[in-house]
PDB file of N, CA and C in Angstrom:
ATOM      1  N   MET A   1      78.351  92.298 249.265  1.00  0.00           N
ATOM      2  CA  MET A   1      77.143  91.413 249.006  1.00  0.00           C
ATOM      3  C   MET A   1      77.117  90.231 250.087  1.00  0.00           C
ATOM      4  N   ASN A   2      78.135  89.816 250.604  1.00  0.00           N
ATOM      5  CA  ASN A   2      78.077  88.886 251.737  1.00  0.00           C
ATOM      6  C   ASN A   2      77.205  89.221 252.817  1.00  0.00           C
ATOM      7  N   ALA A   3      77.275  90.528 253.256  1.00  0.00           N
ATOM      8  CA  ALA A   3      76.412  91.098 254.319  1.00  0.00           C
ATOM      9  C   ALA A   3      74.807  91.047 253.892  1.00  0.00           C
ATOM     10  N   PHE A   4      74.504  91.195 252.664  1.00  0.00           N
ATOM     11  CA  PHE A   4      73.208  91.208 252.091  1.00  0.00           C
ATOM     12  C   PHE A   4      72.720  89.713 252.329  1.00  0.00           C
ATOM     13  N   ARG A   5      73.492  88.843 251.784  1.00  0.00           N
ATOM     14  CA  ARG A   5      73.085  87.428 251.970  1.00  0.00           C
ATOM     15  C   ARG A   5      72.871  86.975 253.433  1.00  0.00           C
ATOM     16  N   LEU A   6      73.821  87.485 254.270  1.00  0.00           N
ATOM     17  CA  LEU A   6      73.595  87.016 255.686  1.00  0.00           C
ATOM     18  C   LEU A   6      72.372  87.663 256.292  1.00  0.00           C
ATOM     19  N   ALA A   7      72.005  88.952 255.934  1.00  0.00           N
ATOM     20  CA  ALA A   7      70.796  89.581 256.363  1.00  0.00           C
ATOM     21  C   ALA A   7      69.657  88.823 255.858  1.00  0.00           C
ATOM     22  N   LEU A   8      69.650  88.572 254.503  1.00  0.00           N
ATOM     23  CA  LEU A   8      68.365  87.883 253.967  1.00  0.00           C
ATOM     24  C   LEU A   8      68.255  86.372 254.629  1.00  0.00           C
ATOM     25  N   ALA A   9      69.372  85.645 254.938  1.00  0.00           N
ATOM     26  CA  ALA A   9      69.275  84.399 255.575  1.00  0.00           C
ATOM     27  C   ALA A   9      68.755  84.564 256.973  1.00  0.00           C
ATOM     28  N   ALA A  10      69.137  85.564 257.621  1.00  0.00           N
ATOM     29  CA  ALA A  10      68.622  85.827 259.012  1.00  0.00           C
ATOM     30  C   ALA A  10      67.188  86.169 259.056  1.00  0.00           C
ATOM     31  N   THR A  11      66.718  86.767 258.003  1.00  0.00           N
ATOM     32  CA  THR A  11      65.389  87.133 257.893  1.00  0.00           C
ATOM     33  C   THR A  11      64.549  86.131 257.643  1.00  0.00           C
ATOM     34  N   LEU A  12      65.026  85.126 256.600  1.00  0.00           N
ATOM     35  CA  LEU A  12      64.196  83.977 256.112  1.00  0.00           C
ATOM     36  C   LEU A  12      64.222  82.731 257.044  1.00  0.00           C
ATOM     37  N   LEU A  13      65.430  82.576 257.734  1.00  0.00           N
ATOM     38  CA  LEU A  13      65.470  81.467 258.556  1.00  0.00           C
ATOM     39  C   LEU A  13      64.437  81.263 259.442  1.00  0.00           C
ATOM     40  N   PRO A  14      64.072  82.184 260.389  1.00  0.00           N
ATOM     41  CA  PRO A  14      62.971  81.886 261.307  1.00  0.00           C
ATOM     42  C   PRO A  14      61.729  81.336 260.636  1.00  0.00           C
ATOM     43  N   SER A  15      61.205  81.834 259.468  1.00  0.00           N
ATOM     44  CA  SER A  15      60.134  81.362 258.775  1.00  0.00           C
ATOM     45  C   SER A  15      60.248  79.892 258.334  1.00  0.00           C
ATOM     46  N   LEU A  16      61.445  79.532 258.003  1.00  0.00           N
ATOM     47  CA  LEU A  16      61.703  78.174 257.597  1.00  0.00           C
ATOM     48  C   LEU A  16      61.877  77.166 258.494  1.00  0.00           C
ATOM     49  N   CYS A  17      62.122  77.655 259.771  1.00  0.00           N
ATOM     50  CA  CYS A  17      62.253  76.762 260.984  1.00  0.00           C
ATOM     51  C   CYS A  17      60.969  76.300 261.535  1.00  0.00           C
ATOM     52  N   LEU A  18      59.868  77.012 261.199  1.00  0.00           N
ATOM     53  CA  LEU A  18      58.509  76.525 261.650  1.00  0.00           C
ATOM     54  C   LEU A  18      58.218  75.230 261.086  1.00  0.00           C
ATOM     55  N   ALA A  19      58.039  74.242 261.980  1.00  0.00           N
ATOM     56  CA  ALA A  19      57.791  72.959 261.717  1.00  0.00           C
ATOM     57  C   ALA A  19      56.703  72.422 262.591  1.00  0.00           C
ATOM     58  N   GLY A  20      56.200  71.195 262.139  1.00  0.00           N
ATOM     59  CA  GLY A  20      55.054  70.601 262.829  1.00  0.00           C
ATOM     60  C   GLY A  20      54.749  69.327 262.039  1.00  0.00           C
ATOM     61  N   PHE A  21      53.858  68.556 262.617  1.00  0.00           N
ATOM     62  CA  PHE A  21      53.488  67.200 261.864  1.00  0.00           C
ATOM     63  C   PHE A  21      51.919  67.046 262.206  1.00  0.00           C
ATOM     64  N   ALA A  22      51.238  66.356 261.495  1.00  0.00           N
ATOM     65  CA  ALA A  22      49.767  66.061 261.691  1.00  0.00           C
ATOM     66  C   ALA A  22      49.845  64.906 262.754  1.00  0.00           C
ATOM     67  N   SER A  23      48.901  65.037 263.653  1.00  0.00           N
ATOM     68  CA  SER A  23      48.985  64.044 264.813  1.00  0.00           C
ATOM     69  C   SER A  23      47.537  64.111 265.315  1.00  0.00           C
ATOM     70  N   THR A  24      47.248  62.973 266.204  1.00  0.00           N
ATOM     71  CA  THR A  24      46.088  63.032 266.989  1.00  0.00           C
ATOM     72  C   THR A  24      46.347  63.397 268.490  1.00  0.00           C
ATOM     73  N   GLU A  25      47.729  63.528 268.971  1.00  0.00           N
ATOM     74  CA  GLU A  25      47.985  63.903 270.105  1.00  0.00           C
ATOM     75  C   GLU A  25      49.302  64.627 270.106  1.00  0.00           C
ATOM     76  N   THR A  26      49.395  65.759 270.804  1.00  0.00           N
ATOM     77  CA  THR A  26      50.730  66.428 271.009  1.00  0.00           C
ATOM     78  C   THR A  26      50.773  67.053 272.373  1.00  0.00           C
ATOM     79  N   TYR A  27      51.964  67.249 272.735  1.00  0.00           N
ATOM     80  CA  TYR A  27      52.182  68.076 274.009  1.00  0.00           C
ATOM     81  C   TYR A  27      52.891  69.359 273.665  1.00  0.00           C
ATOM     82  N   LEU A  28      52.437  70.478 274.317  1.00  0.00           N
ATOM     83  CA  LEU A  28      53.071  71.682 274.140  1.00  0.00           C
ATOM     84  C   LEU A  28      53.829  71.929 275.600  1.00  0.00           C
ATOM     85  N   ALA A  29      55.220  71.923 275.496  1.00  0.00           N
ATOM     86  CA  ALA A  29      55.972  71.892 276.860  1.00  0.00           C
ATOM     87  C   ALA A  29      55.848  73.133 277.681  1.00  0.00           C
ATOM     88  N   ALA A  30      55.438  74.270 277.190  1.00  0.00           N
ATOM     89  CA  ALA A  30      55.292  75.474 278.002  1.00  0.00           C
ATOM     90  C   ALA A  30      54.224  76.392 277.517  1.00  0.00           C
ATOM     91  N   VAL A  31      53.235  76.534 278.104  1.00  0.00           N
ATOM     92  CA  VAL A  31      52.199  77.418 277.766  1.00  0.00           C
ATOM     93  C   VAL A  31      51.775  78.180 278.950  1.00  0.00           C
ATOM     94  N   GLY A  32      51.301  79.275 278.879  1.00  0.00           N
ATOM     95  CA  GLY A  32      50.751  80.121 280.207  1.00  0.00           C
ATOM     96  C   GLY A  32      50.262  81.465 279.813  1.00  0.00           C
ATOM     97  N   ARG A  33      50.105  82.211 280.855  1.00  0.00           N
ATOM     98  CA  ARG A  33      49.671  83.607 280.906  1.00  0.00           C
ATOM     99  C   ARG A  33      50.116  84.212 282.170  1.00  0.00           C
ATOM    100  N   VAL A  34      51.277  85.016 282.085  1.00  0.00           N
ATOM    101  CA  VAL A  34      51.945  85.724 283.248  1.00  0.00           C
ATOM    102  C   VAL A  34      52.291  87.171 282.689  1.00  0.00           C
ATOM    103  N   PRO A  35      52.220  88.034 283.812  1.00  0.00           N
ATOM    104  CA  PRO A  35      52.756  89.400 283.504  1.00  0.00           C
ATOM    105  C   PRO A  35      54.248  89.333 283.884  1.00  0.00           C
ATOM    106  N   GLY A  36      55.044  90.062 283.104  1.00  0.00           N
ATOM    107  CA  GLY A  36      56.539  90.266 283.253  1.00  0.00           C
ATOM    108  C   GLY A  36      56.797  91.692 283.945  1.00  0.00           C
ATOM    109  N   GLN A  37      58.144  91.770 284.031  1.00  0.00           N
ATOM    110  CA  GLN A  37      58.500  93.195 284.535  1.00  0.00           C
ATOM    111  C   GLN A  37      58.549  94.291 283.421  1.00  0.00           C
ATOM    112  N   GLY A  38      58.266  95.411 283.924  1.00  0.00           N
ATOM    113  CA  GLY A  38      58.337  96.580 283.042  1.00  0.00           C
ATOM    114  C   GLY A  38      57.056  96.539 282.157  1.00  0.00           C
ATOM    115  N   GLY A  39      55.946  95.985 282.509  1.00  0.00           N
ATOM    116  CA  GLY A  39      54.780  96.005 281.647  1.00  0.00           C
ATOM    117  C   GLY A  39      54.783  94.982 280.619  1.00  0.00           C
ATOM    118  N   ALA A  40      55.839  94.010 280.415  1.00  0.00           N
ATOM    119  CA  ALA A  40      55.925  92.967 279.621  1.00  0.00           C
ATOM    120  C   ALA A  40      54.584  91.998 279.898  1.00  0.00           C
ATOM    121  N   GLN A  41      54.084  91.302 278.914  1.00  0.00           N
ATOM    122  CA  GLN A  41      53.083  90.465 278.964  1.00  0.00           C
ATOM    123  C   GLN A  41      53.523  89.111 278.270  1.00  0.00           C
ATOM    124  N   PHE A  42      53.233  88.047 278.919  1.00  0.00           N
ATOM    125  CA  PHE A  42      53.771  86.664 278.323  1.00  0.00           C
ATOM    126  C   PHE A  42      52.495  85.736 278.215  1.00  0.00           C
ATOM    127  N   TYR A  43      52.197  85.195 277.009  1.00  0.00           N
ATOM    128  CA  TYR A  43      51.055  84.453 276.873  1.00  0.00           C
ATOM    129  C   TYR A  43      51.320  83.482 275.691  1.00  0.00           C
ATOM    130  N   THR A  44      50.450  82.458 275.445  1.00  0.00           N
ATOM    131  CA  THR A  44      50.732  81.615 274.487  1.00  0.00           C
ATOM    132  C   THR A  44      49.517  81.654 273.430  1.00  0.00           C
ATOM    133  N   THR A  45      49.993  81.547 272.162  1.00  0.00           N
ATOM    134  CA  THR A  45      49.031  81.538 271.025  1.00  0.00           C
ATOM    135  C   THR A  45      49.213  80.176 270.308  1.00  0.00           C
ATOM    136  N   VAL A  46      48.134  79.446 270.152  1.00  0.00           N
ATOM    137  CA  VAL A  46      48.148  78.152 269.432  1.00  0.00           C
ATOM    138  C   VAL A  46      47.378  78.262 268.148  1.00  0.00           C
ATOM    139  N   TRP A  47      47.863  77.621 267.158  1.00  0.00           N
ATOM    140  CA  TRP A  47      47.290  77.387 265.795  1.00  0.00           C
ATOM    141  C   TRP A  47      46.979  76.095 265.682  1.00  0.00           C
ATOM    142  N   ALA A  48      45.825  75.659 265.175  1.00  0.00           N
ATOM    143  CA  ALA A  48      45.434  74.406 264.781  1.00  0.00           C
ATOM    144  C   ALA A  48      44.739  74.320 263.502  1.00  0.00           C
ATOM    145  N   SER A  49      45.206  73.204 262.649  1.00  0.00           N
ATOM    146  CA  SER A  49      44.650  73.160 261.348  1.00  0.00           C
ATOM    147  C   SER A  49      44.159  71.790 261.006  1.00  0.00           C
ATOM    148  N   ASN A  50      43.022  71.606 260.379  1.00  0.00           N
ATOM    149  CA  ASN A  50      42.466  70.370 259.998  1.00  0.00           C
ATOM    150  C   ASN A  50      42.792  70.122 258.594  1.00  0.00           C
ATOM    151  N   LEU A  51      43.697  69.174 258.251  1.00  0.00           N
ATOM    152  CA  LEU A  51      44.029  68.981 256.956  1.00  0.00           C
ATOM    153  C   LEU A  51      43.320  67.916 256.243  1.00  0.00           C
ATOM    154  N   THR A  52      42.374  67.388 256.896  1.00  0.00           N
ATOM    155  CA  THR A  52      41.468  66.156 256.562  1.00  0.00           C
ATOM    156  C   THR A  52      40.359  66.641 255.785  1.00  0.00           C
ATOM    157  N   THR A  53      39.485  65.699 255.363  1.00  0.00           N
ATOM    158  CA  THR A  53      38.251  66.000 254.608  1.00  0.00           C
ATOM    159  C   THR A  53      37.045  65.784 255.419  1.00  0.00           C
ATOM    160  N   ALA A  54      37.301  65.638 256.804  1.00  0.00           N
ATOM    161  CA  ALA A  54      36.122  65.400 257.737  1.00  0.00           C
ATOM    162  C   ALA A  54      36.256  66.300 258.949  1.00  0.00           C
ATOM    163  N   PRO A  55      35.301  66.767 259.689  1.00  0.00           N
ATOM    164  CA  PRO A  55      35.468  67.730 260.801  1.00  0.00           C
ATOM    165  C   PRO A  55      36.312  66.894 261.923  1.00  0.00           C
ATOM    166  N   GLN A  56      36.995  67.575 262.554  1.00  0.00           N
ATOM    167  CA  GLN A  56      37.784  66.941 263.672  1.00  0.00           C
ATOM    168  C   GLN A  56      37.678  67.816 265.034  1.00  0.00           C
ATOM    169  N   THR A  57      37.365  67.106 266.187  1.00  0.00           N
ATOM    170  CA  THR A  57      37.257  67.668 267.379  1.00  0.00           C
ATOM    171  C   THR A  57      38.620  67.603 268.149  1.00  0.00           C
ATOM    172  N   LEU A  58      39.028  68.836 268.668  1.00  0.00           N
ATOM    173  CA  LEU A  58      40.158  69.001 269.390  1.00  0.00           C
ATOM    174  C   LEU A  58      39.944  69.011 270.892  1.00  0.00           C
ATOM    175  N   THR A  59      40.604  68.623 271.757  1.00  0.00           N
ATOM    176  CA  THR A  59      40.530  68.883 273.260  1.00  0.00           C
ATOM    177  C   THR A  59      41.896  69.427 273.624  1.00  0.00           C
ATOM    178  N   PHE A  60      41.830  70.586 274.245  1.00  0.00           N
ATOM    179  CA  PHE A  60      43.008  71.218 274.830  1.00  0.00           C
ATOM    180  C   PHE A  60      42.991  71.115 276.292  1.00  0.00           C
ATOM    181  N   ARG A  61      43.973  70.435 276.984  1.00  0.00           N
ATOM    182  CA  ARG A  61      44.073  70.213 278.425  1.00  0.00           C
ATOM    183  C   ARG A  61      45.341  70.916 278.930  1.00  0.00           C
ATOM    184  N   PHE A  62      44.999  71.883 279.874  1.00  0.00           N
ATOM    185  CA  PHE A  62      46.172  72.707 280.498  1.00  0.00           C
ATOM    186  C   PHE A  62      46.608  71.953 281.842  1.00  0.00           C
ATOM    187  N   LEU A  63      47.975  71.629 281.776  1.00  0.00           N
ATOM    188  CA  LEU A  63      48.567  70.732 282.932  1.00  0.00           C
ATOM    189  C   LEU A  63      49.427  71.882 283.740  1.00  0.00           C
ATOM    190  N   LYS A  64      48.777  72.394 284.682  1.00  0.00           N
ATOM    191  CA  LYS A  64      49.521  73.504 285.577  1.00  0.00           C
ATOM    192  C   LYS A  64      50.659  72.844 286.201  1.00  0.00           C
ATOM    193  N   GLN A  65      51.686  73.684 286.250  1.00  0.00           N
ATOM    194  CA  GLN A  65      53.093  73.153 286.696  1.00  0.00           C
ATOM    195  C   GLN A  65      53.073  73.046 288.206  1.00  0.00           C
ATOM    196  N   GLY A  66      53.797  72.034 288.732  1.00  0.00           N
ATOM    197  CA  GLY A  66      54.071  71.971 290.077  1.00  0.00           C
ATOM    198  C   GLY A  66      52.852  71.260 291.020  1.00  0.00           C
ATOM    199  N   GLN A  67      52.000  70.655 290.225  1.00  0.00           N
ATOM    200  CA  GLN A  67      50.875  69.926 291.024  1.00  0.00           C
ATOM    201  C   GLN A  67      50.461  68.797 290.117  1.00  0.00           C
ATOM    202  N   ALA A  68      49.699  67.944 290.730  1.00  0.00           N
ATOM    203  CA  ALA A  68      48.969  66.860 289.993  1.00  0.00           C
ATOM    204  C   ALA A  68      47.755  67.435 289.195  1.00  0.00           C
ATOM    205  N   ASN A  69      47.469  66.934 288.175  1.00  0.00           N
ATOM    206  CA  ASN A  69      46.414  67.498 287.253  1.00  0.00           C
ATOM    207  C   ASN A  69      45.431  66.436 286.844  1.00  0.00           C
ATOM    208  N   PRO A  70      44.768  65.852 287.832  1.00  0.00           N
ATOM    209  CA  PRO A  70      43.851  64.756 287.529  1.00  0.00           C
ATOM    210  C   PRO A  70      42.567  65.244 286.821  1.00  0.00           C
ATOM    211  N   SER A  71      42.229  66.473 286.934  1.00  0.00           N
ATOM    212  CA  SER A  71      41.032  67.059 286.261  1.00  0.00           C
ATOM    213  C   SER A  71      41.532  68.492 285.878  1.00  0.00           C
ATOM    214  N   PRO A  72      42.237  68.379 284.605  1.00  0.00           N
ATOM    215  CA  PRO A  72      42.909  69.502 284.131  1.00  0.00           C
ATOM    216  C   PRO A  72      41.871  70.571 283.500  1.00  0.00           C
ATOM    217  N   ALA A  73      42.057  71.938 283.657  1.00  0.00           N
ATOM    218  CA  ALA A  73      41.162  72.893 282.909  1.00  0.00           C
ATOM    219  C   ALA A  73      41.300  72.490 281.448  1.00  0.00           C
ATOM    220  N   SER A  74      40.174  72.587 280.688  1.00  0.00           N
ATOM    221  CA  SER A  74      40.216  72.120 279.128  1.00  0.00           C
ATOM    222  C   SER A  74      39.139  72.868 278.466  1.00  0.00           C
ATOM    223  N   PHE A  75      39.292  72.808 277.143  1.00  0.00           N
ATOM    224  CA  PHE A  75      38.112  73.138 276.306  1.00  0.00           C
ATOM    225  C   PHE A  75      38.222  72.310 275.159  1.00  0.00           C
ATOM    226  N   GLN A  76      37.094  72.198 274.273  1.00  0.00           N
ATOM    227  CA  GLN A  76      36.963  71.495 273.023  1.00  0.00           C
ATOM    228  C   GLN A  76      36.424  72.356 272.028  1.00  0.00           C
ATOM    229  N   ASP A  77      36.932  72.184 270.882  1.00  0.00           N
ATOM    230  CA  ASP A  77      36.402  72.924 269.644  1.00  0.00           C
ATOM    231  C   ASP A  77      36.525  72.035 268.330  1.00  0.00           C
ATOM    232  N   THR A  78      35.607  72.302 267.483  1.00  0.00           N
ATOM    233  CA  THR A  78      35.584  71.552 266.215  1.00  0.00           C
ATOM    234  C   THR A  78      36.256  72.260 265.058  1.00  0.00           C
ATOM    235  N   LEU A  79      37.101  71.720 264.254  1.00  0.00           N
ATOM    236  CA  LEU A  79      37.759  72.245 262.996  1.00  0.00           C
ATOM    237  C   LEU A  79      37.009  71.543 261.898  1.00  0.00           C
ATOM    238  N   GLN A  80      36.545  72.323 260.963  1.00  0.00           N
ATOM    239  CA  GLN A  80      35.904  72.024 259.785  1.00  0.00           C
ATOM    240  C   GLN A  80      37.048  71.480 258.658  1.00  0.00           C
ATOM    241  N   PRO A  81      36.784  70.742 257.638  1.00  0.00           N
ATOM    242  CA  PRO A  81      37.788  70.326 256.697  1.00  0.00           C
ATOM    243  C   PRO A  81      38.518  71.548 256.199  1.00  0.00           C
ATOM    244  N   GLY A  82      39.857  71.570 256.201  1.00  0.00           N
ATOM    245  CA  GLY A  82      40.582  72.640 255.622  1.00  0.00           C
ATOM    246  C   GLY A  82      40.657  73.916 256.594  1.00  0.00           C
ATOM    247  N   GLU A  83      39.986  73.890 257.638  1.00  0.00           N
ATOM    248  CA  GLU A  83      39.863  75.062 258.638  1.00  0.00           C
ATOM    249  C   GLU A  83      41.172  75.123 259.460  1.00  0.00           C
ATOM    250  N   THR A  84      41.587  76.378 259.769  1.00  0.00           N
ATOM    251  CA  THR A  84      42.671  76.783 260.689  1.00  0.00           C
ATOM    252  C   THR A  84      42.114  77.607 261.648  1.00  0.00           C
ATOM    253  N   LYS A  85      42.344  77.376 262.936  1.00  0.00           N
ATOM    254  CA  LYS A  85      41.924  78.313 263.933  1.00  0.00           C
ATOM    255  C   LYS A  85      43.100  78.769 264.777  1.00  0.00           C
ATOM    256  N   VAL A  86      42.990  80.092 265.223  1.00  0.00           N
ATOM    257  CA  VAL A  86      44.025  80.609 266.062  1.00  0.00           C
ATOM    258  C   VAL A  86      43.494  81.026 267.518  1.00  0.00           C
ATOM    259  N   TYR A  87      44.146  80.435 268.482  1.00  0.00           N
ATOM    260  CA  TYR A  87      43.746  80.636 269.820  1.00  0.00           C
ATOM    261  C   TYR A  87      44.638  81.583 270.470  1.00  0.00           C
ATOM    262  N   GLU A  88      44.418  82.921 270.395  1.00  0.00           N
ATOM    263  CA  GLU A  88      45.284  83.880 270.860  1.00  0.00           C
ATOM    264  C   GLU A  88      45.060  83.917 272.448  1.00  0.00           C
ATOM    265  N   ASN A  89      46.244  83.922 273.207  1.00  0.00           N
ATOM    266  CA  ASN A  89      46.371  83.969 274.553  1.00  0.00           C
ATOM    267  C   ASN A  89      45.379  82.787 275.084  1.00  0.00           C
ATOM    268  N   VAL A  90      45.648  81.601 274.664  1.00  0.00           N
ATOM    269  CA  VAL A  90      44.816  80.534 274.864  1.00  0.00           C
ATOM    270  C   VAL A  90      44.466  80.258 276.411  1.00  0.00           C
ATOM    271  N   VAL A  91      45.394  80.277 277.268  1.00  0.00           N
ATOM    272  CA  VAL A  91      45.149  80.014 278.669  1.00  0.00           C
ATOM    273  C   VAL A  91      44.077  80.995 279.363  1.00  0.00           C
ATOM    274  N   GLU A  92      44.358  82.214 279.010  1.00  0.00           N
ATOM    275  CA  GLU A  92      43.409  83.236 279.487  1.00  0.00           C
ATOM    276  C   GLU A  92      42.156  83.250 278.871  1.00  0.00           C
ATOM    277  N   SER A  93      42.047  83.397 277.351  1.00  0.00           N
ATOM    278  CA  SER A  93      40.943  83.461 276.620  1.00  0.00           C
ATOM    279  C   SER A  93      40.088  82.230 276.731  1.00  0.00           C
ATOM    280  N   LYS A  94      40.536  81.125 276.602  1.00  0.00           N
ATOM    281  CA  LYS A  94      39.769  79.901 276.448  1.00  0.00           C
ATOM    282  C   LYS A  94      39.451  79.201 278.011  1.00  0.00           C
ATOM    283  N   LEU A  95      40.332  79.418 278.884  1.00  0.00           N
ATOM    284  CA  LEU A  95      40.232  78.882 280.282  1.00  0.00           C
ATOM    285  C   LEU A  95      40.038  79.804 281.289  1.00  0.00           C
ATOM    286  N   GLY A  96      40.245  81.127 281.030  1.00  0.00           N
ATOM    287  CA  GLY A  96      40.079  82.039 282.073  1.00  0.00           C
ATOM    288  C   GLY A  96      40.950  82.084 283.119  1.00  0.00           C
ATOM    289  N   LEU A  97      42.305  81.579 282.894  1.00  0.00           N
ATOM    290  CA  LEU A  97      43.273  81.618 283.846  1.00  0.00           C
ATOM    291  C   LEU A  97      44.226  82.823 283.710  1.00  0.00           C
ATOM    292  N   ASN A  98      44.725  83.193 284.896  1.00  0.00           N
ATOM    293  CA  ASN A  98      45.810  84.311 284.834  1.00  0.00           C
ATOM    294  C   ASN A  98      46.864  83.670 285.737  1.00  0.00           C
ATOM    295  N   ASN A  99      48.146  84.291 285.582  1.00  0.00           N
ATOM    296  CA  ASN A  99      49.307  83.893 286.409  1.00  0.00           C
ATOM    297  C   ASN A  99      49.375  82.332 286.350  1.00  0.00           C
ATOM    298  N   ALA A 100      49.245  81.843 285.253  1.00  0.00           N
ATOM    299  CA  ALA A 100      49.275  80.226 285.262  1.00  0.00           C
ATOM    300  C   ALA A 100      50.337  79.791 284.267  1.00  0.00           C
ATOM    301  N   ILE A 101      51.230  79.026 284.565  1.00  0.00           N
ATOM    302  CA  ILE A 101      52.331  78.466 283.644  1.00  0.00           C
ATOM    303  C   ILE A 101      52.216  76.943 283.660  1.00  0.00           C
ATOM    304  N   GLY A 102      52.358  76.239 282.663  1.00  0.00           N
ATOM    305  CA  GLY A 102      52.336  74.838 282.710  1.00  0.00           C
ATOM    306  C   GLY A 102      52.594  74.188 281.314  1.00  0.00           C
ATOM    307  N   ALA A 103      51.929  73.089 280.979  1.00  0.00           N
ATOM    308  CA  ALA A 103      52.030  72.298 279.757  1.00  0.00           C
ATOM    309  C   ALA A 103      50.697  72.136 279.170  1.00  0.00           C
ATOM    310  N   ALA A 104      50.588  71.705 277.953  1.00  0.00           N
ATOM    311  CA  ALA A 104      49.204  71.394 277.394  1.00  0.00           C
ATOM    312  C   ALA A 104      49.371  70.034 276.678  1.00  0.00           C
ATOM    313  N   ARG A 105      48.211  69.312 276.747  1.00  0.00           N
ATOM    314  CA  ARG A 105      48.080  68.100 276.053  1.00  0.00           C
ATOM    315  C   ARG A 105      46.988  68.474 275.014  1.00  0.00           C
ATOM    316  N   VAL A 106      47.160  68.188 273.762  1.00  0.00           N
ATOM    317  CA  VAL A 106      46.047  68.503 272.850  1.00  0.00           C
ATOM    318  C   VAL A 106      45.913  67.193 272.064  1.00  0.00           C
ATOM    319  N   THR A 107      44.622  66.696 272.151  1.00  0.00           N
ATOM    320  CA  THR A 107      44.182  65.455 271.501  1.00  0.00           C
ATOM    321  C   THR A 107      43.129  65.828 270.444  1.00  0.00           C
ATOM    322  N   SER A 108      42.989  65.012 269.541  1.00  0.00           N
ATOM    323  CA  SER A 108      41.794  65.272 268.472  1.00  0.00           C
ATOM    324  C   SER A 108      41.358  63.985 267.863  1.00  0.00           C
ATOM    325  N   THR A 109      40.124  63.994 267.355  1.00  0.00           N
ATOM    326  CA  THR A 109      39.489  62.776 266.874  1.00  0.00           C
ATOM    327  C   THR A 109      40.151  62.316 265.496  1.00  0.00           C
ATOM    328  N   GLY A 110      40.923  63.187 264.814  1.00  0.00           N
ATOM    329  CA  GLY A 110      41.516  62.773 263.658  1.00  0.00           C
ATOM    330  C   GLY A 110      42.875  63.662 263.552  1.00  0.00           C
ATOM    331  N   GLU A 111      43.659  63.449 262.547  1.00  0.00           N
ATOM    332  CA  GLU A 111      44.880  64.148 262.382  1.00  0.00           C
ATOM    333  C   GLU A 111      44.759  65.631 262.259  1.00  0.00           C
ATOM    334  N   ILE A 112      45.328  66.467 263.161  1.00  0.00           N
ATOM    335  CA  ILE A 112      45.404  67.937 262.924  1.00  0.00           C
ATOM    336  C   ILE A 112      46.683  68.312 262.994  1.00  0.00           C
ATOM    337  N   PHE A 113      47.199  69.432 262.509  1.00  0.00           N
ATOM    338  CA  PHE A 113      48.400  70.081 262.379  1.00  0.00           C
ATOM    339  C   PHE A 113      48.472  71.345 263.365  1.00  0.00           C
TER     340      PHE A 113
END
């Protein structure tokens, strides 16, 4: 029975560890889009949720590693009240960048999660 409990805990623990907080500014320390060895592909998916009762505009700025970023690649989007959007492979799909690694600064007009 202990093995069953351990397996159950190992299965549930990752979903319980997902955490975040509502904010008007956050940094994502590692984002990018790069090919790996043996056909592996690495990319970043971002979820954004508007938990308020008013539309909120978010701005995603990509800060490419190893260089100054005075005018970073960026995009804006609006989230309606209660809306969640998923930005799959965000660096390539929204910014058109390949072989790019860095960080992201996400700001919004109101609190988003």
